N, C-alpha and C. Protein backbone atom coordinates (compact mmCIF):
# COMPACT_ATOMS: atom_id res chain seq x y z
N UNK A 1 26.80 13.45 -26.40
CA UNK A 1 26.66 12.12 -25.83
C UNK A 1 26.27 11.11 -26.90
N UNK A 2 25.37 11.51 -27.80
CA UNK A 2 24.94 10.57 -28.84
C UNK A 2 26.05 10.27 -29.84
N UNK A 3 27.03 11.14 -29.91
CA UNK A 3 28.14 10.91 -30.82
C UNK A 3 29.03 9.77 -30.35
N UNK A 4 28.94 9.42 -29.08
CA UNK A 4 29.77 8.33 -28.56
C UNK A 4 29.32 6.97 -29.10
N UNK A 5 28.04 6.85 -29.40
CA UNK A 5 27.50 5.59 -29.92
C UNK A 5 27.35 5.73 -31.43
N UNK A 6 28.09 4.90 -32.16
CA UNK A 6 28.01 4.95 -33.61
C UNK A 6 26.75 4.24 -34.08
N UNK A 7 26.26 4.64 -35.24
CA UNK A 7 25.04 4.01 -35.76
C UNK A 7 25.29 2.54 -36.10
N UNK A 8 26.53 2.19 -36.47
CA UNK A 8 26.86 0.79 -36.76
C UNK A 8 26.72 -0.06 -35.50
N UNK A 9 27.16 0.49 -34.38
CA UNK A 9 27.05 -0.23 -33.11
C UNK A 9 25.58 -0.43 -32.74
N UNK A 10 24.77 0.59 -33.01
CA UNK A 10 23.34 0.48 -32.70
C UNK A 10 22.69 -0.61 -33.56
N UNK A 11 23.08 -0.69 -34.84
CA UNK A 11 22.54 -1.72 -35.72
C UNK A 11 22.90 -3.10 -35.19
N UNK A 12 24.16 -3.27 -34.79
CA UNK A 12 24.60 -4.56 -34.26
C UNK A 12 23.83 -4.91 -32.98
N UNK A 13 23.63 -3.92 -32.13
CA UNK A 13 22.91 -4.15 -30.88
C UNK A 13 21.45 -4.55 -31.15
N UNK A 14 20.81 -3.87 -32.08
CA UNK A 14 19.42 -4.19 -32.41
C UNK A 14 19.33 -5.59 -33.01
N UNK A 15 20.25 -5.93 -33.91
CA UNK A 15 20.26 -7.28 -34.50
C UNK A 15 20.48 -8.32 -33.42
N UNK A 16 21.41 -8.07 -32.51
CA UNK A 16 21.67 -9.01 -31.41
C UNK A 16 20.42 -9.22 -30.56
N UNK A 17 19.74 -8.14 -30.23
CA UNK A 17 18.53 -8.24 -29.41
C UNK A 17 17.44 -9.02 -30.14
N UNK A 18 17.25 -8.75 -31.43
CA UNK A 18 16.23 -9.46 -32.21
C UNK A 18 16.54 -10.95 -32.31
N UNK A 19 17.80 -11.29 -32.53
CA UNK A 19 18.19 -12.71 -32.60
C UNK A 19 17.96 -13.37 -31.25
N UNK A 20 18.33 -12.71 -30.18
CA UNK A 20 18.13 -13.26 -28.84
C UNK A 20 16.65 -13.50 -28.57
N UNK A 21 15.80 -12.52 -28.92
CA UNK A 21 14.35 -12.68 -28.71
C UNK A 21 13.81 -13.83 -29.54
N UNK A 22 14.28 -13.98 -30.77
CA UNK A 22 13.84 -15.08 -31.63
C UNK A 22 14.21 -16.43 -31.05
N UNK A 23 15.44 -16.56 -30.59
CA UNK A 23 15.87 -17.83 -29.99
C UNK A 23 15.12 -18.11 -28.70
N UNK A 24 14.86 -17.08 -27.92
CA UNK A 24 14.10 -17.25 -26.68
C UNK A 24 12.69 -17.76 -26.97
N UNK A 25 12.06 -17.17 -28.00
CA UNK A 25 10.70 -17.57 -28.40
C UNK A 25 10.68 -19.03 -28.84
N UNK A 26 11.66 -19.43 -29.66
CA UNK A 26 11.74 -20.82 -30.11
C UNK A 26 11.94 -21.75 -28.91
N UNK A 27 12.79 -21.36 -27.98
CA UNK A 27 13.03 -22.17 -26.79
C UNK A 27 11.77 -22.37 -25.96
N UNK A 28 10.99 -21.32 -25.80
CA UNK A 28 9.74 -21.41 -25.05
C UNK A 28 8.78 -22.35 -25.75
N UNK A 29 8.67 -22.24 -27.08
CA UNK A 29 7.77 -23.11 -27.84
C UNK A 29 8.20 -24.57 -27.71
N UNK A 30 9.49 -24.83 -27.80
CA UNK A 30 9.99 -26.21 -27.67
C UNK A 30 9.71 -26.76 -26.29
N UNK A 31 9.90 -25.93 -25.27
CA UNK A 31 9.66 -26.39 -23.90
C UNK A 31 8.20 -26.73 -23.70
N UNK A 32 7.30 -25.90 -24.22
CA UNK A 32 5.87 -26.18 -24.10
C UNK A 32 5.50 -27.46 -24.83
N UNK A 33 6.11 -27.67 -26.01
CA UNK A 33 5.82 -28.85 -26.81
C UNK A 33 6.29 -30.11 -26.08
N UNK A 34 7.48 -30.03 -25.48
CA UNK A 34 8.03 -31.19 -24.76
C UNK A 34 7.19 -31.47 -23.51
N UNK A 35 6.75 -30.43 -22.81
CA UNK A 35 5.96 -30.62 -21.59
C UNK A 35 4.51 -30.97 -21.88
N UNK A 36 4.07 -30.83 -23.11
CA UNK A 36 2.72 -31.22 -23.48
C UNK A 36 1.67 -30.17 -23.23
N UNK A 37 2.05 -28.91 -23.22
CA UNK A 37 1.06 -27.86 -22.97
C UNK A 37 0.72 -27.08 -24.24
N UNK A 38 1.22 -27.51 -25.38
CA UNK A 38 0.94 -26.77 -26.61
C UNK A 38 -0.23 -27.38 -27.37
N UNK A 39 -0.76 -26.63 -28.31
CA UNK A 39 -1.88 -27.11 -29.12
C UNK A 39 -1.47 -28.33 -29.94
N UNK A 40 -0.23 -28.35 -30.42
CA UNK A 40 0.25 -29.47 -31.22
C UNK A 40 0.18 -30.76 -30.41
N UNK A 41 0.64 -30.71 -29.18
CA UNK A 41 0.64 -31.91 -28.34
C UNK A 41 -0.78 -32.35 -28.04
N UNK A 42 -1.65 -31.41 -27.77
CA UNK A 42 -3.05 -31.76 -27.49
C UNK A 42 -3.68 -32.43 -28.70
N UNK A 43 -3.39 -31.92 -29.90
CA UNK A 43 -3.90 -32.54 -31.12
C UNK A 43 -3.36 -33.95 -31.29
N UNK A 44 -2.07 -34.14 -31.02
CA UNK A 44 -1.46 -35.46 -31.14
C UNK A 44 -2.13 -36.43 -30.18
N UNK A 45 -2.41 -35.98 -28.97
CA UNK A 45 -3.07 -36.84 -27.98
C UNK A 45 -4.47 -37.22 -28.44
N UNK A 46 -5.20 -36.25 -29.03
CA UNK A 46 -6.55 -36.53 -29.53
C UNK A 46 -6.50 -37.57 -30.64
N UNK A 47 -5.56 -37.41 -31.56
CA UNK A 47 -5.43 -38.34 -32.69
C UNK A 47 -5.09 -39.73 -32.17
N UNK A 48 -4.17 -39.82 -31.23
CA UNK A 48 -3.78 -41.12 -30.66
C UNK A 48 -4.96 -41.78 -29.97
N UNK A 49 -5.73 -41.01 -29.23
CA UNK A 49 -6.90 -41.54 -28.54
C UNK A 49 -7.93 -42.07 -29.55
N UNK A 50 -8.14 -41.31 -30.62
CA UNK A 50 -9.09 -41.72 -31.66
C UNK A 50 -8.63 -43.00 -32.36
N UNK A 51 -7.33 -43.10 -32.62
CA UNK A 51 -6.79 -44.31 -33.27
C UNK A 51 -6.95 -45.52 -32.36
N UNK A 52 -6.70 -45.35 -31.08
CA UNK A 52 -6.87 -46.46 -30.13
C UNK A 52 -8.33 -46.90 -30.08
N UNK A 53 -9.24 -45.93 -30.10
CA UNK A 53 -10.66 -46.23 -30.05
C UNK A 53 -11.08 -47.01 -31.30
N UNK A 54 -10.60 -46.60 -32.46
CA UNK A 54 -10.93 -47.30 -33.71
C UNK A 54 -10.37 -48.72 -33.71
N UNK A 55 -9.16 -48.88 -33.19
CA UNK A 55 -8.55 -50.22 -33.14
C UNK A 55 -9.34 -51.13 -32.22
N UNK A 56 -9.86 -50.59 -31.12
CA UNK A 56 -10.65 -51.40 -30.19
C UNK A 56 -11.98 -51.81 -30.82
N UNK A 57 -12.57 -50.94 -31.63
CA UNK A 57 -13.84 -51.26 -32.28
C UNK A 57 -13.66 -52.35 -33.34
N UNK A 58 -12.52 -52.31 -34.05
CA UNK A 58 -12.27 -53.29 -35.11
C UNK A 58 -11.96 -54.67 -34.56
N UNK A 59 -11.35 -54.77 -33.39
CA UNK A 59 -10.96 -56.08 -32.86
C UNK A 59 -12.09 -56.83 -32.23
């Protein structure tokens, strides 16, 4: 039974699965970033809030 599947085919299948998982992971990260649930977005919001506060103090 194992002779039916060539090792070259297994390599291609493993590479395909790894590429798919990588793209899926990137997609999830992008979706979280766009929706504002990632650490990057929270940091950006903190920085923006701090800048607004400083501008209000200076005026």
